[in-house]
Amino acid sequence: MASFYGVIHKTEDSDYGLSFPDLPGCITAGSSLEELEVMAKEALTLHLEGMAEDCETIPEPSNYKTIARKHEHDFDFFGITLITIATVQKRTRVNISLAEQDLILIDTAATKLGIDRSAFLVMAGKKIALEKSITHY
């Protein structure tokens, strides 16, 4: 099991956003807190898998008080949540064909979210599955 605290940000006209202070670049968003939790688990899983594949050292999680002190005064601070995932799973490489303009759109969106193409496609697929109540694999 791996657990990291995520900082939730929200403004009046935005979705809920979540970042992991101990894992720069590991961010996600959701239109509800329930969706945010699903997306946060997926983002954390993909980020840690990528770090493992790249032989990067996974940092020790900071404690709640340290994160709270650093972020509780952010203008869009909403709260802090502990996200726990199962052991990092092995990724499987797949080959897909996309229209060039779709690939550009996917890569642009992924870059703006600070994630890679694979993470973006998985998050998008899971969001649709969640919206359609498809929960069994």
C-alpha atoms as a PDB file:
ATOM      1  CA  MET A   1       0.000   0.000   0.000  1.00  0.00           C
ATOM      2  CA  ALA A   2       1.100   3.564  -0.694  1.00  0.00           C
ATOM      3  CA  SER A   3      -0.455   6.638   0.893  1.00  0.00           C
ATOM      4  CA  PHE A   4       0.137  10.302   0.128  1.00  0.00           C
ATOM      5  CA  TYR A   5      -1.717  13.441   1.155  1.00  0.00           C
ATOM      6  CA  GLY A   6      -3.368  15.418  -1.612  1.00  0.00           C
ATOM      7  CA  VAL A   7      -4.237  19.092  -1.376  1.00  0.00           C
ATOM      8  CA  ILE A   8      -7.666  19.948  -2.768  1.00  0.00           C
ATOM      9  CA  HIS A   9      -8.192  23.335  -4.413  1.00  0.00           C
ATOM     10  CA  LYS A  10     -11.517  24.786  -5.533  1.00  0.00           C
ATOM     11  CA  THR A  11     -12.756  28.137  -6.741  1.00  0.00           C
ATOM     12  CA  GLU A  12     -16.368  29.062  -7.281  1.00  0.00           C
ATOM     13  CA  ASP A  13     -16.236  28.455 -11.033  1.00  0.00           C
ATOM     14  CA  SER A  14     -13.859  25.470 -11.213  1.00  0.00           C
ATOM     15  CA  ASP A  15     -13.789  21.733 -10.734  1.00  0.00           C
ATOM     16  CA  TYR A  16     -12.030  20.335  -7.682  1.00  0.00           C
ATOM     17  CA  GLY A  17      -8.304  20.143  -8.280  1.00  0.00           C
ATOM     18  CA  LEU A  18      -5.860  17.967  -6.364  1.00  0.00           C
ATOM     19  CA  SER A  19      -2.090  17.985  -6.188  1.00  0.00           C
ATOM     20  CA  PHE A  20       0.321  15.789  -4.266  1.00  0.00           C
ATOM     21  CA  PRO A  21       2.925  18.065  -2.639  1.00  0.00           C
ATOM     22  CA  ASP A  22       5.398  15.193  -2.284  1.00  0.00           C
ATOM     23  CA  LEU A  23       5.085  14.280  -5.971  1.00  0.00           C
ATOM     24  CA  PRO A  24       5.589  17.365  -8.183  1.00  0.00           C
ATOM     25  CA  GLY A  25       3.610  17.093 -11.395  1.00  0.00           C
ATOM     26  CA  CYS A  26       1.127  14.586  -9.988  1.00  0.00           C
ATOM     27  CA  ILE A  27      -2.161  16.463 -10.277  1.00  0.00           C
ATOM     28  CA  THR A  28      -5.738  15.726 -11.250  1.00  0.00           C
ATOM     29  CA  ALA A  29      -9.247  17.163 -11.163  1.00  0.00           C
ATOM     30  CA  GLY A  30     -12.845  16.077 -10.819  1.00  0.00           C
ATOM     31  CA  SER A  31     -16.272  17.655 -11.027  1.00  0.00           C
ATOM     32  CA  SER A  32     -17.285  16.154  -7.656  1.00  0.00           C
ATOM     33  CA  LEU A  33     -15.384  14.994  -4.587  1.00  0.00           C
ATOM     34  CA  GLU A  34     -16.296  11.397  -5.446  1.00  0.00           C
ATOM     35  CA  GLU A  35     -14.899  11.754  -8.958  1.00  0.00           C
ATOM     36  CA  LEU A  36     -11.851  13.555  -7.584  1.00  0.00           C
ATOM     37  CA  GLU A  37     -11.061  10.603  -5.302  1.00  0.00           C
ATOM     38  CA  VAL A  38     -11.224   8.151  -8.219  1.00  0.00           C
ATOM     39  CA  MET A  39      -9.071  10.389 -10.384  1.00  0.00           C
ATOM     40  CA  ALA A  40      -6.593  10.993  -7.535  1.00  0.00           C
ATOM     41  CA  LYS A  41      -6.091   7.260  -7.020  1.00  0.00           C
ATOM     42  CA  GLU A  42      -5.503   6.819 -10.729  1.00  0.00           C
ATOM     43  CA  ALA A  43      -3.101   9.760 -10.948  1.00  0.00           C
ATOM     44  CA  LEU A  44      -1.154   8.525  -7.925  1.00  0.00           C
ATOM     45  CA  THR A  45      -0.967   4.998  -9.307  1.00  0.00           C
ATOM     46  CA  LEU A  46       0.250   6.143 -12.724  1.00  0.00           C
ATOM     47  CA  HIS A  47       2.745   8.581 -11.252  1.00  0.00           C
ATOM     48  CA  LEU A  48       4.289   5.985  -8.930  1.00  0.00           C
ATOM     49  CA  GLU A  49       4.359   3.408 -11.733  1.00  0.00           C
ATOM     50  CA  GLY A  50       6.203   5.891 -13.937  1.00  0.00           C
ATOM     51  CA  MET A  51       8.694   6.643 -11.184  1.00  0.00           C
ATOM     52  CA  ALA A  52       9.281   2.905 -10.663  1.00  0.00           C
ATOM     53  CA  GLU A  53       9.771   2.332 -14.408  1.00  0.00           C
ATOM     54  CA  ASP A  54      12.276   5.197 -14.506  1.00  0.00           C
ATOM     55  CA  CYS A  55      14.074   3.802 -11.425  1.00  0.00           C
ATOM     56  CA  GLU A  56      13.336   7.005  -9.490  1.00  0.00           C
ATOM     57  CA  THR A  57      13.240   6.950  -5.708  1.00  0.00           C
ATOM     58  CA  ILE A  58       9.716   7.299  -4.346  1.00  0.00           C
ATOM     59  CA  PRO A  59       9.818   9.883  -1.550  1.00  0.00           C
ATOM     60  CA  GLU A  60       8.617   9.320   1.980  1.00  0.00           C
ATOM     61  CA  PRO A  61       5.235  11.014   2.438  1.00  0.00           C
ATOM     62  CA  SER A  62       5.160  14.249   4.412  1.00  0.00           C
ATOM     63  CA  ASN A  63       3.000  14.379   7.495  1.00  0.00           C
ATOM     64  CA  TYR A  64      -0.393  16.071   7.583  1.00  0.00           C
ATOM     65  CA  LYS A  65       0.684  19.025   9.734  1.00  0.00           C
ATOM     66  CA  THR A  66       3.566  19.937   7.425  1.00  0.00           C
ATOM     67  CA  ILE A  67       1.301  19.952   4.371  1.00  0.00           C
ATOM     68  CA  ALA A  68      -1.493  21.801   6.187  1.00  0.00           C
ATOM     69  CA  ARG A  69       0.863  24.557   7.357  1.00  0.00           C
ATOM     70  CA  LYS A  70       2.194  25.025   3.840  1.00  0.00           C
ATOM     71  CA  HIS A  71      -1.150  25.098   1.996  1.00  0.00           C
ATOM     72  CA  GLU A  72      -3.949  26.119   4.361  1.00  0.00           C
ATOM     73  CA  HIS A  73      -3.615  29.768   3.379  1.00  0.00           C
ATOM     74  CA  ASP A  74      -3.635  29.191  -0.403  1.00  0.00           C
ATOM     75  CA  PHE A  75      -6.376  31.376  -1.908  1.00  0.00           C
ATOM     76  CA  ASP A  76      -8.248  28.369  -3.364  1.00  0.00           C
ATOM     77  CA  PHE A  77      -7.517  25.868  -0.550  1.00  0.00           C
ATOM     78  CA  PHE A  78     -10.430  23.471   0.038  1.00  0.00           C
ATOM     79  CA  GLY A  79      -8.922  20.696   2.137  1.00  0.00           C
ATOM     80  CA  ILE A  80      -6.458  17.824   2.452  1.00  0.00           C
ATOM     81  CA  THR A  81      -7.199  14.176   1.838  1.00  0.00           C
ATOM     82  CA  LEU A  82      -5.202  10.988   2.274  1.00  0.00           C
ATOM     83  CA  ILE A  83      -5.120   8.911  -0.899  1.00  0.00           C
ATOM     84  CA  THR A  84      -4.169   5.253  -0.500  1.00  0.00           C
ATOM     85  CA  ILE A  85      -3.572   2.857  -3.370  1.00  0.00           C
ATOM     86  CA  ALA A  86      -2.682  -0.791  -3.655  1.00  0.00           C
ATOM     87  CA  THR A  87       0.787  -1.866  -4.642  1.00  0.00           C
ATOM     88  CA  VAL A  88       1.896  -0.336  -7.905  1.00  0.00           C
ATOM     89  CA  GLN A  89       0.671  -2.401 -10.834  1.00  0.00           C
ATOM     90  CA  LYS A  90       2.646  -3.365 -13.897  1.00  0.00           C
ATOM     91  CA  ARG A  91       1.814  -1.329 -16.987  1.00  0.00           C
ATOM     92  CA  THR A  92       1.127  -2.990 -20.337  1.00  0.00           C
ATOM     93  CA  ARG A  93       2.245  -1.354 -23.563  1.00  0.00           C
ATOM     94  CA  VAL A  94      -0.429  -1.090 -26.293  1.00  0.00           C
ATOM     95  CA  ASN A  95      -0.369   0.175 -29.850  1.00  0.00           C
ATOM     96  CA  ILE A  96      -3.249   2.391 -30.997  1.00  0.00           C
ATOM     97  CA  SER A  97      -3.949   4.512 -34.065  1.00  0.00           C
ATOM     98  CA  LEU A  98      -5.350   8.031 -33.740  1.00  0.00           C
ATOM     99  CA  ALA A  99      -6.016  10.920 -36.049  1.00  0.00           C
ATOM    100  CA  GLU A 100      -3.092  13.325 -35.826  1.00  0.00           C
ATOM    101  CA  GLN A 101      -5.318  16.186 -34.637  1.00  0.00           C
ATOM    102  CA  ASP A 102      -6.715  13.979 -31.847  1.00  0.00           C
ATOM    103  CA  LEU A 103      -3.212  13.069 -30.722  1.00  0.00           C
ATOM    104  CA  ILE A 104      -2.240  16.750 -30.650  1.00  0.00           C
ATOM    105  CA  LEU A 105      -5.323  17.528 -28.553  1.00  0.00           C
ATOM    106  CA  ILE A 106      -4.552  14.670 -26.129  1.00  0.00           C
ATOM    107  CA  ASP A 107      -0.902  15.679 -25.781  1.00  0.00           C
ATOM    108  CA  THR A 108      -1.780  19.351 -25.282  1.00  0.00           C
ATOM    109  CA  ALA A 109      -4.326  18.522 -22.572  1.00  0.00           C
ATOM    110  CA  ALA A 110      -1.953  16.066 -20.856  1.00  0.00           C
ATOM    111  CA  THR A 111       0.845  18.626 -20.843  1.00  0.00           C
ATOM    112  CA  LYS A 112      -1.424  21.276 -19.323  1.00  0.00           C
ATOM    113  CA  LEU A 113      -2.369  18.787 -16.589  1.00  0.00           C
ATOM    114  CA  GLY A 114       1.271  17.865 -15.993  1.00  0.00           C
ATOM    115  CA  ILE A 115       0.773  14.195 -16.853  1.00  0.00           C
ATOM    116  CA  ASP A 116       1.831  11.920 -19.678  1.00  0.00           C
ATOM    117  CA  ARG A 117      -0.310  10.729 -22.600  1.00  0.00           C
ATOM    118  CA  SER A 118      -0.961   7.325 -21.036  1.00  0.00           C
ATOM    119  CA  ALA A 119      -2.153   8.839 -17.768  1.00  0.00           C
ATOM    120  CA  PHE A 120      -4.443  11.209 -19.651  1.00  0.00           C
ATOM    121  CA  LEU A 121      -6.041   8.424 -21.701  1.00  0.00           C
ATOM    122  CA  VAL A 122      -6.563   6.248 -18.619  1.00  0.00           C
ATOM    123  CA  MET A 123      -8.057   9.145 -16.658  1.00  0.00           C
ATOM    124  CA  ALA A 124     -10.389  10.042 -19.534  1.00  0.00           C
ATOM    125  CA  GLY A 125     -11.502   6.422 -19.895  1.00  0.00           C
ATOM    126  CA  LYS A 126     -12.111   6.047 -16.184  1.00  0.00           C
ATOM    127  CA  LYS A 127     -14.037   9.321 -16.054  1.00  0.00           C
ATOM    128  CA  ILE A 128     -16.394   8.091 -18.764  1.00  0.00           C
ATOM    129  CA  ALA A 129     -16.721   4.697 -17.052  1.00  0.00           C
ATOM    130  CA  LEU A 130     -17.543   6.446 -13.765  1.00  0.00           C
ATOM    131  CA  GLU A 131     -20.125   8.694 -15.431  1.00  0.00           C
ATOM    132  CA  LYS A 132     -21.761   5.653 -17.049  1.00  0.00           C
ATOM    133  CA  SER A 133     -21.536   3.597 -13.832  1.00  0.00           C
ATOM    134  CA  ILE A 134     -19.226   1.038 -15.431  1.00  0.00           C
ATOM    135  CA  THR A 135     -17.314  -0.188 -12.416  1.00  0.00           C
ATOM    136  CA  HIS A 136     -16.471  -3.825 -13.130  1.00  0.00           C
ATOM    137  CA  TYR A 137     -13.453  -4.875 -15.153  1.00  0.00           C
END
